[in-house]
PDB file of N, CA and C in Angstrom:
ATOM      1  N   MET A   1      89.893  12.987-111.104  1.00  0.00           N
ATOM      2  CA  MET A   1      89.031  14.003-111.659  1.00  0.00           C
ATOM      3  C   MET A   1      87.601  13.489-111.669  1.00  0.00           C
ATOM      4  N   LYS A   2      86.657  14.438-111.670  1.00  0.00           N
ATOM      5  CA  LYS A   2      85.248  14.068-111.684  1.00  0.00           C
ATOM      6  C   LYS A   2      84.440  15.163-112.369  1.00  0.00           C
ATOM      7  N   ILE A   3      83.259  14.798-112.802  1.00  0.00           N
ATOM      8  CA  ILE A   3      82.344  15.753-113.416  1.00  0.00           C
ATOM      9  C   ILE A   3      81.701  16.546-112.280  1.00  0.00           C
ATOM     10  N   ALA A   4      81.882  17.861-112.282  1.00  0.00           N
ATOM     11  CA  ALA A   4      81.367  18.695-111.202  1.00  0.00           C
ATOM     12  C   ALA A   4      79.916  19.100-111.438  1.00  0.00           C
ATOM     13  N   ARG A   5      79.521  19.256-112.691  1.00  0.00           N
ATOM     14  CA  ARG A   5      78.169  19.695-113.036  1.00  0.00           C
ATOM     15  C   ARG A   5      77.891  19.221-114.452  1.00  0.00           C
ATOM     16  N   MET A   6      76.688  18.724-114.696  1.00  0.00           N
ATOM     17  CA  MET A   6      76.290  18.295-116.039  1.00  0.00           C
ATOM     18  C   MET A   6      74.903  18.863-116.302  1.00  0.00           C
ATOM     19  N   ASN A   7      74.804  19.763-117.273  1.00  0.00           N
ATOM     20  CA  ASN A   7      73.526  20.372-117.629  1.00  0.00           C
ATOM     21  C   ASN A   7      73.171  20.021-119.068  1.00  0.00           C
ATOM     22  N   PRO A   8      72.090  19.261-119.272  1.00  0.00           N
ATOM     23  CA  PRO A   8      71.683  18.947-120.635  1.00  0.00           C
ATOM     24  C   PRO A   8      71.228  20.208-121.370  1.00  0.00           C
ATOM     25  N   TYR A   9      71.423  20.199-122.680  1.00  0.00           N
ATOM     26  CA  TYR A   9      71.015  21.314-123.525  1.00  0.00           C
ATOM     27  C   TYR A   9      70.089  20.762-124.594  1.00  0.00           C
ATOM     28  N   HIS A  10      68.891  21.326-124.707  1.00  0.00           N
ATOM     29  CA  HIS A  10      67.889  20.816-125.641  1.00  0.00           C
ATOM     30  C   HIS A  10      67.574  21.816-126.733  1.00  0.00           C
ATOM     31  N   GLY A  11      68.569  22.571-127.159  1.00  0.00           N
ATOM     32  CA  GLY A  11      68.364  23.572-128.203  1.00  0.00           C
ATOM     33  C   GLY A  11      68.612  23.016-129.592  1.00  0.00           C
ATOM     34  N   GLU A  12      68.631  23.905-130.560  1.00  0.00           N
ATOM     35  CA  GLU A  12      68.853  23.563-131.968  1.00  0.00           C
ATOM     36  C   GLU A  12      70.348  23.554-132.252  1.00  0.00           C
ATOM     37  N   SER A  13      71.045  22.550-131.779  1.00  0.00           N
ATOM     38  CA  SER A  13      72.496  22.494-131.916  1.00  0.00           C
ATOM     39  C   SER A  13      72.963  21.057-131.775  1.00  0.00           C
ATOM     40  N   LYS A  14      74.205  20.797-132.164  1.00  0.00           N
ATOM     41  CA  LYS A  14      74.797  19.480-131.947  1.00  0.00           C
ATOM     42  C   LYS A  14      75.249  19.311-130.497  1.00  0.00           C
ATOM     43  N   THR A  15      75.304  20.404-129.757  1.00  0.00           N
ATOM     44  CA  THR A  15      75.657  20.346-128.338  1.00  0.00           C
ATOM     45  C   THR A  15      74.507  19.708-127.574  1.00  0.00           C
ATOM     46  N   THR A  16      74.837  18.683-126.770  1.00  0.00           N
ATOM     47  CA  THR A  16      73.795  18.003-125.995  1.00  0.00           C
ATOM     48  C   THR A  16      73.870  18.333-124.506  1.00  0.00           C
ATOM     49  N   ALA A  17      75.046  18.806-124.043  1.00  0.00           N
ATOM     50  CA  ALA A  17      75.188  19.149-122.621  1.00  0.00           C
ATOM     51  C   ALA A  17      76.416  20.020-122.406  1.00  0.00           C
ATOM     52  N   PHE A  18      76.373  20.764-121.324  1.00  0.00           N
ATOM     53  CA  PHE A  18      77.513  21.533-120.840  1.00  0.00           C
ATOM     54  C   PHE A  18      77.923  20.944-119.504  1.00  0.00           C
ATOM     55  N   PHE A  19      79.231  20.895-119.232  1.00  0.00           N
ATOM     56  CA  PHE A  19      79.651  20.387-117.932  1.00  0.00           C
ATOM     57  C   PHE A  19      80.968  20.992-117.495  1.00  0.00           C
ATOM     58  N   ASP A  20      81.229  20.854-116.197  1.00  0.00           N
ATOM     59  CA  ASP A  20      82.472  21.323-115.589  1.00  0.00           C
ATOM     60  C   ASP A  20      83.250  20.113-115.090  1.00  0.00           C
ATOM     61  N   LEU A  21      84.556  20.263-115.022  1.00  0.00           N
ATOM     62  CA  LEU A  21      85.443  19.197-114.580  1.00  0.00           C
ATOM     63  C   LEU A  21      86.169  19.654-113.319  1.00  0.00           C
ATOM     64  N   GLU A  22      86.197  18.789-112.311  1.00  0.00           N
ATOM     65  CA  GLU A  22      86.952  19.083-111.087  1.00  0.00           C
ATOM     66  C   GLU A  22      88.126  18.119-111.009  1.00  0.00           C
ATOM     67  N   THR A  23      89.330  18.672-110.872  1.00  0.00           N
ATOM     68  CA  THR A  23      90.535  17.845-110.773  1.00  0.00           C
ATOM     69  C   THR A  23      90.652  17.278-109.363  1.00  0.00           C
ATOM     70  N   ASP A  24      91.563  16.341-109.188  1.00  0.00           N
ATOM     71  CA  ASP A  24      91.799  15.748-107.870  1.00  0.00           C
ATOM     72  C   ASP A  24      92.291  16.783-106.866  1.00  0.00           C
ATOM     73  N   GLU A  25      92.872  17.874-107.362  1.00  0.00           N
ATOM     74  CA  GLU A  25      93.371  18.943-106.493  1.00  0.00           C
ATOM     75  C   GLU A  25      92.286  19.957-106.127  1.00  0.00           C
ATOM     76  N   GLY A  26      91.063  19.778-106.672  1.00  0.00           N
ATOM     77  CA  GLY A  26      89.961  20.675-106.356  1.00  0.00           C
ATOM     78  C   GLY A  26      89.809  21.835-107.322  1.00  0.00           C
ATOM     79  N   ILE A  27      90.562  21.847-108.401  1.00  0.00           N
ATOM     80  CA  ILE A  27      90.464  22.914-109.399  1.00  0.00           C
ATOM     81  C   ILE A  27      89.288  22.591-110.326  1.00  0.00           C
ATOM     82  N   VAL A  28      88.400  23.573-110.525  1.00  0.00           N
ATOM     83  CA  VAL A  28      87.240  23.382-111.385  1.00  0.00           C
ATOM     84  C   VAL A  28      87.491  24.105-112.707  1.00  0.00           C
ATOM     85  N   ILE A  29      87.356  23.359-113.809  1.00  0.00           N
ATOM     86  CA  ILE A  29      87.516  23.918-115.147  1.00  0.00           C
ATOM     87  C   ILE A  29      86.141  23.920-115.787  1.00  0.00           C
ATOM     88  N   LYS A  30      85.648  25.112-116.136  1.00  0.00           N
ATOM     89  CA  LYS A  30      84.299  25.270-116.683  1.00  0.00           C
ATOM     90  C   LYS A  30      84.326  25.356-118.198  1.00  0.00           C
ATOM     91  N   GLY A  31      83.225  24.984-118.806  1.00  0.00           N
ATOM     92  CA  GLY A  31      83.062  25.221-120.230  1.00  0.00           C
ATOM     93  C   GLY A  31      83.227  24.033-121.145  1.00  0.00           C
ATOM     94  N   PHE A  32      83.238  22.811-120.616  1.00  0.00           N
ATOM     95  CA  PHE A  32      83.291  21.630-121.470  1.00  0.00           C
ATOM     96  C   PHE A  32      81.907  21.409-122.078  1.00  0.00           C
ATOM     97  N   THR A  33      81.863  20.824-123.263  1.00  0.00           N
ATOM     98  CA  THR A  33      80.589  20.495-123.893  1.00  0.00           C
ATOM     99  C   THR A  33      80.597  19.040-124.346  1.00  0.00           C
ATOM    100  N   LEU A  34      79.420  18.473-124.399  1.00  0.00           N
ATOM    101  CA  LEU A  34      79.223  17.136-124.946  1.00  0.00           C
ATOM    102  C   LEU A  34      78.513  17.341-126.281  1.00  0.00           C
ATOM    103  N   VAL A  35      79.140  16.881-127.357  1.00  0.00           N
ATOM    104  CA  VAL A  35      78.672  17.158-128.710  1.00  0.00           C
ATOM    105  C   VAL A  35      78.237  15.860-129.388  1.00  0.00           C
ATOM    106  N   ASP A  36      77.149  15.932-130.143  1.00  0.00           N
ATOM    107  CA  ASP A  36      76.660  14.789-130.908  1.00  0.00           C
ATOM    108  C   ASP A  36      77.251  14.874-132.310  1.00  0.00           C
ATOM    109  N   GLY A  37      78.329  14.125-132.535  1.00  0.00           N
ATOM    110  CA  GLY A  37      79.014  14.132-133.820  1.00  0.00           C
ATOM    111  C   GLY A  37      78.609  12.959-134.690  1.00  0.00           C
ATOM    112  N   PRO A  38      79.213  12.832-135.870  1.00  0.00           N
ATOM    113  CA  PRO A  38      78.872  11.757-136.790  1.00  0.00           C
ATOM    114  C   PRO A  38      79.178  10.359-136.240  1.00  0.00           C
ATOM    115  N   LYS A  39      80.121  10.265-135.303  1.00  0.00           N
ATOM    116  CA  LYS A  39      80.475   8.967-134.712  1.00  0.00           C
ATOM    117  C   LYS A  39      79.928   8.807-133.299  1.00  0.00           C
ATOM    118  N   GLY A  40      78.991   9.668-132.906  1.00  0.00           N
ATOM    119  CA  GLY A  40      78.410   9.597-131.572  1.00  0.00           C
ATOM    120  C   GLY A  40      78.837  10.760-130.702  1.00  0.00           C
ATOM    121  N   LEU A  41      78.512  10.672-129.411  1.00  0.00           N
ATOM    122  CA  LEU A  41      78.818  11.740-128.470  1.00  0.00           C
ATOM    123  C   LEU A  41      80.307  11.784-128.148  1.00  0.00           C
ATOM    124  N   PHE A  42      80.837  13.016-128.022  1.00  0.00           N
ATOM    125  CA  PHE A  42      82.228  13.195-127.635  1.00  0.00           C
ATOM    126  C   PHE A  42      82.373  14.500-126.866  1.00  0.00           C
ATOM    127  N   VAL A  43      83.469  14.611-126.109  1.00  0.00           N
ATOM    128  CA  VAL A  43      83.754  15.791-125.302  1.00  0.00           C
ATOM    129  C   VAL A  43      84.504  16.815-126.136  1.00  0.00           C
ATOM    130  N   SER A  44      84.080  18.063-126.022  1.00  0.00           N
ATOM    131  CA  SER A  44      84.791  19.177-126.620  1.00  0.00           C
ATOM    132  C   SER A  44      85.281  20.065-125.476  1.00  0.00           C
ATOM    133  N   VAL A  45      86.571  20.368-125.472  1.00  0.00           N
ATOM    134  CA  VAL A  45      87.140  21.185-124.405  1.00  0.00           C
ATOM    135  C   VAL A  45      86.817  22.655-124.649  1.00  0.00           C
ATOM    136  N   PRO A  46      86.919  23.502-123.616  1.00  0.00           N
ATOM    137  CA  PRO A  46      86.664  24.928-123.800  1.00  0.00           C
ATOM    138  C   PRO A  46      87.559  25.517-124.892  1.00  0.00           C
ATOM    139  N   GLN A  47      86.971  26.391-125.705  1.00  0.00           N
ATOM    140  CA  GLN A  47      87.696  26.981-126.831  1.00  0.00           C
ATOM    141  C   GLN A  47      87.472  28.480-126.893  1.00  0.00           C
ATOM    142  N   ASP A  48      88.418  29.173-127.504  1.00  0.00           N
ATOM    143  CA  ASP A  48      88.303  30.597-127.802  1.00  0.00           C
ATOM    144  C   ASP A  48      88.481  30.795-129.292  1.00  0.00           C
ATOM    145  N   LYS A  49      87.778  31.784-129.834  1.00  0.00           N
ATOM    146  CA  LYS A  49      87.928  32.110-131.244  1.00  0.00           C
ATOM    147  C   LYS A  49      89.054  33.124-131.395  1.00  0.00           C
ATOM    148  N   GLY A  50      90.011  32.796-132.254  1.00  0.00           N
ATOM    149  CA  GLY A  50      91.147  33.679-132.480  1.00  0.00           C
ATOM    150  C   GLY A  50      90.817  34.776-133.475  1.00  0.00           C
ATOM    151  N   LYS A  51      91.751  35.693-133.659  1.00  0.00           N
ATOM    152  CA  LYS A  51      91.572  36.792-134.608  1.00  0.00           C
ATOM    153  C   LYS A  51      91.463  36.285-136.039  1.00  0.00           C
ATOM    154  N   ASP A  52      91.966  35.073-136.278  1.00  0.00           N
ATOM    155  CA  ASP A  52      91.899  34.474-137.605  1.00  0.00           C
ATOM    156  C   ASP A  52      90.616  33.661-137.824  1.00  0.00           C
ATOM    157  N   ASP A  53      89.646  33.808-136.918  1.00  0.00           N
ATOM    158  CA  ASP A  53      88.352  33.116-136.961  1.00  0.00           C
ATOM    159  C   ASP A  53      88.448  31.603-136.774  1.00  0.00           C
ATOM    160  N   LYS A  54      89.586  31.113-136.330  1.00  0.00           N
ATOM    161  CA  LYS A  54      89.732  29.701-135.996  1.00  0.00           C
ATOM    162  C   LYS A  54      89.539  29.545-134.488  1.00  0.00           C
ATOM    163  N   TYR A  55      89.128  28.337-134.080  1.00  0.00           N
ATOM    164  CA  TYR A  55      88.936  28.062-132.661  1.00  0.00           C
ATOM    165  C   TYR A  55      90.156  27.339-132.104  1.00  0.00           C
ATOM    166  N   TYR A  56      90.552  27.740-130.891  1.00  0.00           N
ATOM    167  CA  TYR A  56      91.720  27.170-130.227  1.00  0.00           C
ATOM    168  C   TYR A  56      91.329  26.673-128.844  1.00  0.00           C
ATOM    169  N   GLU A  57      91.781  25.461-128.502  1.00  0.00           N
ATOM    170  CA  GLU A  57      91.483  24.879-127.200  1.00  0.00           C
ATOM    171  C   GLU A  57      92.174  25.671-126.097  1.00  0.00           C
ATOM    172  N   ARG A  58      91.436  25.945-125.022  1.00  0.00           N
ATOM    173  CA  ARG A  58      92.012  26.632-123.863  1.00  0.00           C
ATOM    174  C   ARG A  58      92.593  25.660-122.861  1.00  0.00           C
ATOM    175  N   VAL A  59      92.197  24.391-122.946  1.00  0.00           N
ATOM    176  CA  VAL A  59      92.667  23.365-122.024  1.00  0.00           C
ATOM    177  C   VAL A  59      93.261  22.233-122.856  1.00  0.00           C
ATOM    178  N   LEU A  60      94.522  21.925-122.607  1.00  0.00           N
ATOM    179  CA  LEU A  60      95.178  20.839-123.327  1.00  0.00           C
ATOM    180  C   LEU A  60      95.227  19.615-122.425  1.00  0.00           C
ATOM    181  N   ILE A  61      94.686  18.510-122.922  1.00  0.00           N
ATOM    182  CA  ILE A  61      94.573  17.280-122.134  1.00  0.00           C
ATOM    183  C   ILE A  61      95.261  16.155-122.896  1.00  0.00           C
ATOM    184  N   PRO A  62      96.130  15.375-122.222  1.00  0.00           N
ATOM    185  CA  PRO A  62      96.754  14.221-122.885  1.00  0.00           C
ATOM    186  C   PRO A  62      95.687  13.229-123.367  1.00  0.00           C
ATOM    187  N   ASN A  63      95.990  12.499-124.430  1.00  0.00           N
ATOM    188  CA  ASN A  63      95.020  11.586-125.042  1.00  0.00           C
ATOM    189  C   ASN A  63      94.445  10.571-124.066  1.00  0.00           C
ATOM    190  N   ASP A  64      95.273  10.003-123.175  1.00  0.00           N
ATOM    191  CA  ASP A  64      94.749   9.007-122.233  1.00  0.00           C
ATOM    192  C   ASP A  64      93.757   9.633-121.261  1.00  0.00           C
ATOM    193  N   LYS A  65      94.033  10.850-120.811  1.00  0.00           N
ATOM    194  CA  LYS A  65      93.111  11.539-119.899  1.00  0.00           C
ATOM    195  C   LYS A  65      91.859  11.999-120.635  1.00  0.00           C
ATOM    196  N   LYS A  66      92.007  12.366-121.910  1.00  0.00           N
ATOM    197  CA  LYS A  66      90.850  12.793-122.693  1.00  0.00           C
ATOM    198  C   LYS A  66      89.894  11.620-122.908  1.00  0.00           C
ATOM    199  N   LYS A  67      90.450  10.433-123.135  1.00  0.00           N
ATOM    200  CA  LYS A  67      89.621   9.234-123.289  1.00  0.00           C
ATOM    201  C   LYS A  67      88.877   8.940-121.985  1.00  0.00           C
ATOM    202  N   GLN A  68      89.592   9.055-120.856  1.00  0.00           N
ATOM    203  CA  GLN A  68      88.982   8.848-119.546  1.00  0.00           C
ATOM    204  C   GLN A  68      87.873   9.874-119.307  1.00  0.00           C
ATOM    205  N   LEU A  69      88.126  11.129-119.648  1.00  0.00           N
ATOM    206  CA  LEU A  69      87.139  12.192-119.482  1.00  0.00           C
ATOM    207  C   LEU A  69      85.916  11.925-120.347  1.00  0.00           C
ATOM    208  N   ASN A  70      86.123  11.474-121.574  1.00  0.00           N
ATOM    209  CA  ASN A  70      85.018  11.172-122.472  1.00  0.00           C
ATOM    210  C   ASN A  70      84.121  10.084-121.878  1.00  0.00           C
ATOM    211  N   GLU A  71      84.722   9.031-121.338  1.00  0.00           N
ATOM    212  CA  GLU A  71      83.958   7.947-120.721  1.00  0.00           C
ATOM    213  C   GLU A  71      83.181   8.440-119.497  1.00  0.00           C
ATOM    214  N   MET A  72      83.823   9.273-118.673  1.00  0.00           N
ATOM    215  CA  MET A  72      83.167   9.813-117.479  1.00  0.00           C
ATOM    216  C   MET A  72      81.985  10.703-117.865  1.00  0.00           C
ATOM    217  N   ALA A  73      82.175  11.545-118.867  1.00  0.00           N
ATOM    218  CA  ALA A  73      81.127  12.471-119.289  1.00  0.00           C
ATOM    219  C   ALA A  73      79.940  11.718-119.873  1.00  0.00           C
ATOM    220  N   LEU A  74      80.207  10.705-120.685  1.00  0.00           N
ATOM    221  CA  LEU A  74      79.115   9.918-121.266  1.00  0.00           C
ATOM    222  C   LEU A  74      78.316   9.211-120.180  1.00  0.00           C
ATOM    223  N   LYS A  75      79.001   8.671-119.193  1.00  0.00           N
ATOM    224  CA  LYS A  75      78.321   7.995-118.085  1.00  0.00           C
ATOM    225  C   LYS A  75      77.459   8.983-117.298  1.00  0.00           C
ATOM    226  N   ALA A  76      78.010  10.151-116.977  1.00  0.00           N
ATOM    227  CA  ALA A  76      77.264  11.168-116.227  1.00  0.00           C
ATOM    228  C   ALA A  76      76.051  11.645-117.025  1.00  0.00           C
ATOM    229  N   TYR A  77      76.210  11.805-118.327  1.00  0.00           N
ATOM    230  CA  TYR A  77      75.105  12.248-119.182  1.00  0.00           C
ATOM    231  C   TYR A  77      74.010  11.198-119.230  1.00  0.00           C
ATOM    232  N   GLU A  78      74.380   9.935-119.360  1.00  0.00           N
ATOM    233  CA  GLU A  78      73.390   8.857-119.388  1.00  0.00           C
ATOM    234  C   GLU A  78      72.613   8.795-118.084  1.00  0.00           C
ATOM    235  N   GLU A  79      73.287   9.049-116.961  1.00  0.00           N
ATOM    236  CA  GLU A  79      72.616   8.993-115.660  1.00  0.00           C
ATOM    237  C   GLU A  79      71.564  10.079-115.513  1.00  0.00           C
ATOM    238  N   ILE A  80      71.822  11.276-116.048  1.00  0.00           N
ATOM    239  CA  ILE A  80      70.821  12.349-115.902  1.00  0.00           C
ATOM    240  C   ILE A  80      69.721  12.261-116.950  1.00  0.00           C
ATOM    241  N   GLU A  81      69.971  11.569-118.053  1.00  0.00           N
ATOM    242  CA  GLU A  81      68.969  11.451-119.119  1.00  0.00           C
ATOM    243  C   GLU A  81      68.029  10.273-118.915  1.00  0.00           C
ATOM    244  N   ILE A  82      68.281   9.433-117.927  1.00  0.00           N
ATOM    245  CA  ILE A  82      67.418   8.263-117.682  1.00  0.00           C
ATOM    246  C   ILE A  82      66.145   8.655-116.987  1.00  0.00           C
TER     247      ILE A  82
END
């Protein structure tokens, strides 16, 4: 997998960037965000708001792959912010 697009966001939000993920099979998943949380930057997967006003992830990623994705996204973000 690889980061297909990384767009920094400089608005009034904890979101610092939006990005897309391309799988090894060529499938592109849009709507990932890089968020500045209390423990630093982390990846947030695409979400939808349910009828109960709670947010639900649209993409489920195993913990080992999520850690790998987080590292890839942070590296890509650092490269464009330099």
